Protein backbone atom coordinates (compact mmCIF):
# COMPACT_ATOMS: atom_id res chain seq x y z
CA UNK A 1 115.70 69.48 169.36
CA UNK A 2 119.03 71.24 169.81
CA UNK A 3 119.96 68.63 172.42
CA UNK A 4 119.48 65.85 169.87
CA UNK A 5 121.74 67.63 167.43
CA UNK A 6 124.41 67.91 170.15
CA UNK A 7 124.36 64.19 170.87
CA UNK A 8 122.25 64.04 174.05
CA UNK A 9 119.75 61.19 173.78
CA UNK A 10 116.47 61.23 175.70
CA UNK A 11 114.85 57.90 176.47
CA UNK A 12 111.44 59.15 175.37
CA UNK A 13 109.95 62.23 173.71
CA UNK A 14 106.43 63.40 174.52
CA UNK A 15 105.19 65.87 171.92
CA UNK A 16 101.98 67.87 172.06
CA UNK A 17 100.26 68.26 168.69
CA UNK A 18 98.19 71.37 168.21
CA UNK A 19 97.88 71.67 164.46
CA UNK A 20 99.32 70.65 161.13
CA UNK A 21 102.48 72.69 161.71
CA UNK A 22 103.30 70.41 164.64
CA UNK A 23 103.20 67.42 162.29
CA UNK A 24 105.94 69.08 160.28
CA UNK A 25 107.92 69.43 163.51
CA UNK A 26 107.36 65.74 164.20
CA UNK A 27 108.66 64.86 160.74
CA UNK A 28 111.83 66.87 161.41
CA UNK A 29 112.25 65.29 164.83
CA UNK A 30 111.89 61.77 163.44
CA UNK A 31 114.35 62.57 160.66
CA UNK A 32 116.86 63.68 163.28
CA UNK A 33 116.45 60.77 165.67
CA UNK A 34 114.55 57.60 164.79
CA UNK A 35 115.84 55.51 167.71
CA UNK A 36 114.10 57.59 170.42
CA UNK A 37 110.43 56.68 170.86
CA UNK A 38 108.07 59.61 170.27
CA UNK A 39 104.66 59.71 171.90
CA UNK A 40 102.26 62.39 170.74
CA UNK A 41 99.36 63.95 172.59
CA UNK A 42 96.42 65.87 171.17
CA UNK A 43 92.85 66.88 171.80
CA UNK A 44 90.26 64.23 170.88
CA UNK A 45 89.02 66.50 168.09
CA UNK A 46 92.45 66.22 166.41
CA UNK A 47 92.08 62.54 165.48
CA UNK A 48 93.35 63.18 161.94
CA UNK A 49 96.60 64.57 163.40
CA UNK A 50 96.97 61.57 165.68
CA UNK A 51 96.48 59.08 162.84
CA UNK A 52 98.99 60.94 160.68
CA UNK A 53 101.49 61.05 163.57
CA UNK A 54 101.28 57.27 163.90
CA UNK A 55 101.62 56.84 160.15
CA UNK A 56 104.84 58.87 160.01
CA UNK A 57 106.45 57.13 162.97
CA UNK A 58 105.13 58.07 166.41
CA UNK A 59 105.24 55.09 168.77
CA UNK A 60 101.89 55.85 170.36
CA UNK A 61 99.31 58.56 171.00
CA UNK A 62 97.69 60.01 174.09
CA UNK A 63 94.40 61.88 174.19
CA UNK A 64 94.32 65.05 176.27
CA UNK A 65 93.75 65.38 179.11
CA UNK A 66 96.52 62.88 179.68
CA UNK A 67 95.88 60.37 182.44
CA UNK A 68 98.91 59.36 184.50
CA UNK A 69 98.03 55.67 184.11
CA UNK A 70 98.06 55.97 180.31
CA UNK A 71 101.39 57.79 180.34
CA UNK A 72 102.92 55.13 182.60
CA UNK A 73 101.67 52.30 180.36
CA UNK A 74 102.98 53.91 177.18
CA UNK A 75 106.28 54.83 178.85
CA UNK A 76 106.77 51.19 179.83
CA UNK A 77 106.02 50.16 176.23
CA UNK A 78 108.63 52.64 175.01
CA UNK A 79 111.18 51.32 177.50
CA UNK A 80 110.65 47.77 176.25
CA UNK A 81 111.18 48.95 172.69
CA UNK A 82 114.52 50.61 173.47
CA UNK A 83 115.81 47.85 175.78
């Protein structure tokens, strides 16, 4: 996140969620930079985290293991959003 604070802007952020503390990190990230699409990934057993991530502003979610086709589809969706 230091890069965001310095002014560098990624086109997309992929964030792995592995517990409630990561949701707090997502909240901070979204507070810092709302214009960069954030995609979150988590284990299927973490569905509550994934729903909460979408509620607080994640563009989309991926279920681990991440399939390349899913990542490409969601990346294209994110590109359309920022175009």
